[in-house]
Amino acid sequence: MATKRSELLIDDVYGRLRDLIFSNSLRAGQKLVDRDLAERLGVSRTPVREALGRLAMTGLVEARTRRGYYVSTFSAQQVTDLYEFRKMLEVHAAKLATKNALPSHLHEFDCILADLEKLSSEPKDHAKAVRLDLEIHELIARASGNASLHQAIQNVLDKVMCFIWVETSNREALAAADSQHQALLHAIKEKDAAGAAALIGDHVESAKDSLVKVLQARDDLQNSVLSPRRPREGALVDEFAI
């Protein structure tokens, strides 16, 4: 019984830490000190350590030898690779969903979209918008009827969840995503495999392009700060002036 309670506590701490990362309360590159996190969450250090190990397995947290855990930092190329993989999986899932989606799946889809539409008109609860966006993609994977594909997509969604905060960062982005999801649902209902595949492919591609621009701008800024300045003619300078 004690073991079961411990597992439930670890699951709870895992979820809370994951949400802190997704909301950028724990920022990319930040060191995660188990003592500080335990105090913040009101738990002992043991479930925090277990949860950090589990987060490292998802890729959201990086375990550095003899240095501890850090929130993972993704480069533009890593995001490109991840979203291309996501697109491949989700396009196939959408095609299968047009054949295998059950009435219960379509009803669930309608309910999620109704909630998203409310948020698009007054996007105050960003966390809920992110959660609903992910639920739509998870539902499409589930409606595909392929358990292995569903699991693979779920693993990818765990990694991209923090990026969806950027995808839906303003009212215009939420409205655009809502429109895309509405069209996608219609294609699935009409059993239009080609249309569903094209819509979800464009959706993921657009998200990838937006994120890559943000990350490239960040990298360019960092490089401009860290690059050595050009010495004035005749001046004596250190090897790297910052």
Protein backbone atom coordinates (compact mmCIF):
# COMPACT_ATOMS: atom_id res chain seq x y z
CA MET A 1 0.00 0.00 0.00
CA ALA A 2 2.85 2.34 0.85
CA THR A 3 4.43 1.57 -2.53
CA LYS A 4 1.19 2.46 -4.30
CA ARG A 5 0.98 5.76 -2.41
CA SER A 6 4.60 6.49 -3.34
CA GLU A 7 3.89 5.83 -7.01
CA LEU A 8 0.88 8.13 -6.93
CA LEU A 9 2.97 10.86 -5.31
CA ILE A 10 5.69 10.47 -7.94
CA ASP A 11 3.05 10.70 -10.68
CA ASP A 12 1.70 13.87 -9.10
CA VAL A 13 5.14 15.47 -8.76
CA TYR A 14 5.99 14.44 -12.32
CA GLY A 15 2.85 16.14 -13.63
CA ARG A 16 3.42 19.29 -11.63
CA LEU A 17 7.04 19.63 -12.73
CA ARG A 18 6.04 18.96 -16.34
CA ASP A 19 3.42 21.73 -16.13
CA LEU A 20 6.01 24.14 -14.70
CA ILE A 21 8.24 23.40 -17.69
CA PHE A 22 5.39 23.73 -20.20
CA SER A 23 4.35 27.08 -18.72
CA ASN A 24 7.98 28.30 -18.79
CA SER A 25 7.95 28.74 -15.02
CA LEU A 26 11.00 26.50 -15.24
CA ARG A 27 12.87 27.89 -18.22
CA ALA A 28 15.01 26.21 -20.86
CA GLY A 29 18.54 25.67 -19.59
CA GLN A 30 17.59 26.21 -15.94
CA LYS A 31 19.24 23.93 -13.38
CA LEU A 32 16.75 21.85 -11.41
CA VAL A 33 17.79 21.50 -7.77
CA ASP A 34 15.80 18.76 -6.04
CA ARG A 35 15.91 20.51 -2.65
CA ASP A 36 14.46 23.73 -4.07
CA LEU A 37 11.82 21.90 -6.09
CA ALA A 38 10.80 19.78 -3.11
CA GLU A 39 10.30 22.92 -1.03
CA ARG A 40 8.37 24.58 -3.85
CA LEU A 41 6.02 21.60 -4.25
CA GLY A 42 5.74 20.79 -0.54
CA VAL A 43 7.09 17.25 -0.83
CA SER A 44 10.26 15.35 0.10
CA ARG A 45 13.26 15.15 -2.23
CA THR A 46 12.75 11.45 -3.07
CA PRO A 47 9.67 11.81 -5.34
CA VAL A 48 11.26 14.86 -6.95
CA ARG A 49 14.35 12.84 -7.88
CA GLU A 50 12.18 10.04 -9.26
CA ALA A 51 10.11 12.51 -11.26
CA LEU A 52 13.22 14.21 -12.67
CA GLY A 53 14.52 10.85 -13.83
CA ARG A 54 11.23 10.18 -15.59
CA LEU A 55 11.25 13.64 -17.19
CA ALA A 56 14.76 12.97 -18.47
CA MET A 57 13.42 9.89 -20.26
CA THR A 58 10.89 12.06 -22.14
CA GLY A 59 13.60 14.52 -23.21
CA LEU A 60 12.07 17.49 -21.38
CA VAL A 61 14.87 17.37 -18.83
CA GLU A 62 18.55 16.73 -19.46
CA ALA A 63 20.66 14.72 -16.99
CA ARG A 64 24.26 15.96 -17.03
CA THR A 65 26.94 13.75 -15.51
CA ARG A 66 27.99 14.99 -12.05
CA ARG A 67 26.11 18.26 -12.66
CA GLY A 68 22.48 17.30 -12.06
CA TYR A 69 19.33 17.96 -14.05
CA TYR A 70 18.56 20.88 -16.37
CA VAL A 71 15.51 21.87 -18.38
CA SER A 72 16.30 20.84 -21.95
CA THR A 73 17.19 23.51 -24.48
CA PHE A 74 16.26 22.75 -28.09
CA SER A 75 18.05 24.14 -31.13
CA ALA A 76 16.28 25.17 -34.33
CA GLN A 77 17.58 22.01 -36.02
CA GLN A 78 16.30 19.77 -33.22
CA VAL A 79 12.86 21.35 -33.46
CA THR A 80 12.89 20.89 -37.24
CA ASP A 81 13.78 17.21 -36.88
CA LEU A 82 11.16 16.64 -34.18
CA TYR A 83 8.36 18.38 -36.07
CA GLU A 84 9.18 16.56 -39.30
CA PHE A 85 8.88 13.28 -37.39
CA ARG A 86 5.65 14.51 -35.79
CA LYS A 87 4.24 15.44 -39.20
CA MET A 88 5.00 12.00 -40.62
CA LEU A 89 3.22 10.26 -37.73
CA GLU A 90 0.22 12.59 -37.55
CA VAL A 91 -0.44 12.57 -41.30
CA HIS A 92 -0.71 8.78 -41.20
CA ALA A 93 -2.89 8.92 -38.09
CA ALA A 94 -5.28 11.39 -39.74
CA LYS A 95 -5.64 9.13 -42.77
CA LEU A 96 -6.45 6.16 -40.56
CA ALA A 97 -8.88 8.23 -38.46
CA THR A 98 -11.00 8.93 -41.55
CA LYS A 99 -11.57 5.17 -41.77
CA ASN A 100 -11.54 4.10 -38.14
CA ALA A 101 -12.94 6.99 -36.07
CA LEU A 102 -15.93 5.94 -33.97
CA PRO A 103 -18.97 8.14 -33.25
CA SER A 104 -17.65 8.52 -29.70
CA HIS A 105 -14.40 9.95 -31.06
CA LEU A 106 -16.28 12.48 -33.22
CA HIS A 107 -18.45 13.53 -30.27
CA GLU A 108 -15.35 14.02 -28.13
CA PHE A 109 -13.77 16.06 -30.91
CA ASP A 110 -16.85 18.35 -31.04
CA CYS A 111 -16.70 18.92 -27.28
CA ILE A 112 -13.00 19.87 -27.37
CA LEU A 113 -13.52 22.23 -30.30
CA ALA A 114 -16.41 23.93 -28.52
CA ASP A 115 -14.16 24.62 -25.54
CA LEU A 116 -11.38 25.89 -27.81
CA GLU A 117 -13.77 28.24 -29.61
CA LYS A 118 -14.69 29.85 -26.30
CA LEU A 119 -11.01 30.38 -25.50
CA SER A 120 -10.23 31.84 -28.94
CA SER A 121 -12.66 34.69 -28.32
CA GLU A 122 -11.22 35.42 -24.87
CA PRO A 123 -7.88 33.62 -24.45
CA LYS A 124 -7.25 34.15 -20.75
CA ASP A 125 -6.48 30.54 -19.81
CA HIS A 126 -3.44 29.79 -21.92
CA ALA A 127 -2.71 26.55 -20.06
CA LYS A 128 -6.17 25.21 -20.89
CA ALA A 129 -5.75 26.19 -24.55
CA VAL A 130 -2.52 24.22 -24.72
CA ARG A 131 -4.12 21.23 -23.04
CA LEU A 132 -7.10 21.25 -25.42
CA ASP A 133 -4.84 21.61 -28.46
CA LEU A 134 -2.91 18.54 -27.37
CA GLU A 135 -6.11 16.63 -26.62
CA ILE A 136 -7.20 17.09 -30.24
CA HIS A 137 -3.97 15.63 -31.58
CA GLU A 138 -4.04 12.80 -29.06
CA LEU A 139 -7.65 12.05 -30.01
CA ILE A 140 -6.79 11.84 -33.71
CA ALA A 141 -4.04 9.38 -32.84
CA ARG A 142 -6.46 7.36 -30.73
CA ALA A 143 -9.12 7.45 -33.46
CA SER A 144 -6.61 5.98 -35.91
CA GLY A 145 -7.21 2.60 -34.30
CA ASN A 146 -3.49 1.84 -34.30
CA ALA A 147 -2.26 1.45 -30.72
CA SER A 148 1.44 1.57 -31.64
CA LEU A 149 0.97 4.74 -33.68
CA HIS A 150 -1.05 6.27 -30.85
CA GLN A 151 1.77 5.59 -28.38
CA ALA A 152 4.42 6.98 -30.74
CA ILE A 153 2.45 10.20 -31.23
CA GLN A 154 1.84 10.51 -27.49
CA ASN A 155 5.60 10.32 -26.91
CA VAL A 156 6.22 13.06 -29.47
CA LEU A 157 3.45 15.26 -28.04
CA ASP A 158 5.07 15.01 -24.61
CA LYS A 159 8.20 16.53 -26.14
CA VAL A 160 6.51 19.29 -28.13
CA MET A 161 4.03 20.39 -25.46
CA CYS A 162 6.26 23.23 -24.29
CA PHE A 163 6.47 24.52 -27.87
CA ILE A 164 2.69 24.66 -28.21
CA TRP A 165 2.81 27.58 -25.76
CA VAL A 166 4.53 29.49 -28.57
CA GLU A 167 2.14 28.17 -31.25
CA THR A 168 -0.91 29.48 -29.33
CA SER A 169 0.69 32.54 -27.75
CA ASN A 170 -1.93 35.10 -28.85
CA ARG A 171 -5.57 35.48 -29.89
CA GLU A 172 -4.75 35.33 -33.62
CA ALA A 173 -2.79 32.09 -33.19
CA LEU A 174 -5.60 30.52 -31.19
CA ALA A 175 -8.18 31.53 -33.79
CA ALA A 176 -6.05 30.13 -36.64
CA ALA A 177 -5.54 26.84 -34.80
CA ASP A 178 -9.28 26.62 -34.08
CA SER A 179 -10.09 27.13 -37.78
CA GLN A 180 -7.58 24.46 -38.80
CA HIS A 181 -8.97 22.00 -36.27
CA GLN A 182 -12.55 22.64 -37.44
CA ALA A 183 -11.56 21.92 -41.03
CA LEU A 184 -9.68 18.82 -39.96
CA LEU A 185 -12.67 17.46 -38.06
CA HIS A 186 -14.88 18.04 -41.09
CA ALA A 187 -12.45 16.10 -43.29
CA ILE A 188 -12.39 13.19 -40.83
CA LYS A 189 -16.19 13.16 -40.62
CA GLU A 190 -16.43 13.16 -44.41
CA LYS A 191 -13.85 10.35 -44.58
CA ASP A 192 -11.64 12.55 -46.74
CA ALA A 193 -8.25 10.93 -46.15
CA ALA A 194 -6.34 13.15 -48.57
CA GLY A 195 -7.92 16.32 -47.18
CA ALA A 196 -7.29 15.33 -43.56
CA ALA A 197 -3.67 14.45 -44.32
CA ALA A 198 -3.08 17.76 -46.10
CA LEU A 199 -4.69 19.80 -43.32
CA ILE A 200 -2.77 18.24 -40.45
CA GLY A 201 0.43 18.30 -42.48
CA ASP A 202 0.04 22.04 -43.14
CA HIS A 203 -0.86 22.62 -39.48
CA VAL A 204 2.30 20.95 -38.17
CA GLU A 205 4.46 22.53 -40.89
CA SER A 206 3.19 26.01 -40.04
CA ALA A 207 3.86 25.43 -36.35
CA LYS A 208 7.37 24.23 -37.13
CA ASP A 209 8.16 27.28 -39.29
CA SER A 210 6.98 29.67 -36.56
CA LEU A 211 9.05 27.95 -33.89
CA VAL A 212 12.17 27.74 -36.02
CA LYS A 213 11.99 31.50 -36.67
CA VAL A 214 11.79 32.16 -32.93
CA LEU A 215 14.70 29.82 -32.16
CA GLN A 216 16.85 31.13 -34.99
CA ALA A 217 16.29 34.69 -33.78
CA ARG A 218 17.33 33.57 -30.29
CA ASP A 219 20.43 31.83 -31.63
CA ASP A 220 21.38 34.84 -33.78
CA LEU A 221 21.07 37.12 -30.75
CA GLN A 222 23.22 34.81 -28.62
CA ASN A 223 25.83 34.53 -31.37
CA SER A 224 25.99 38.29 -31.81
CA VAL A 225 26.58 38.71 -28.07
CA LEU A 226 29.18 35.96 -27.83
CA SER A 227 31.08 36.63 -31.06
CA PRO A 228 34.43 38.46 -30.72
CA ARG A 229 34.34 42.14 -31.56
CA ARG A 230 36.41 43.42 -34.40
CA PRO A 231 39.46 45.26 -33.00
CA ARG A 232 40.03 48.84 -33.98
CA GLU A 233 43.06 49.27 -36.16
CA GLY A 234 46.20 49.48 -34.04
CA ALA A 235 44.40 48.58 -30.83
CA LEU A 236 45.61 45.87 -28.47
CA VAL A 237 42.74 43.61 -27.40
CA ASP A 238 42.24 40.34 -25.59
CA GLU A 239 41.79 37.25 -27.72
CA PHE A 240 37.98 37.31 -27.19
CA ALA A 241 36.33 40.58 -26.23
CA ILE A 242 32.69 40.28 -25.18
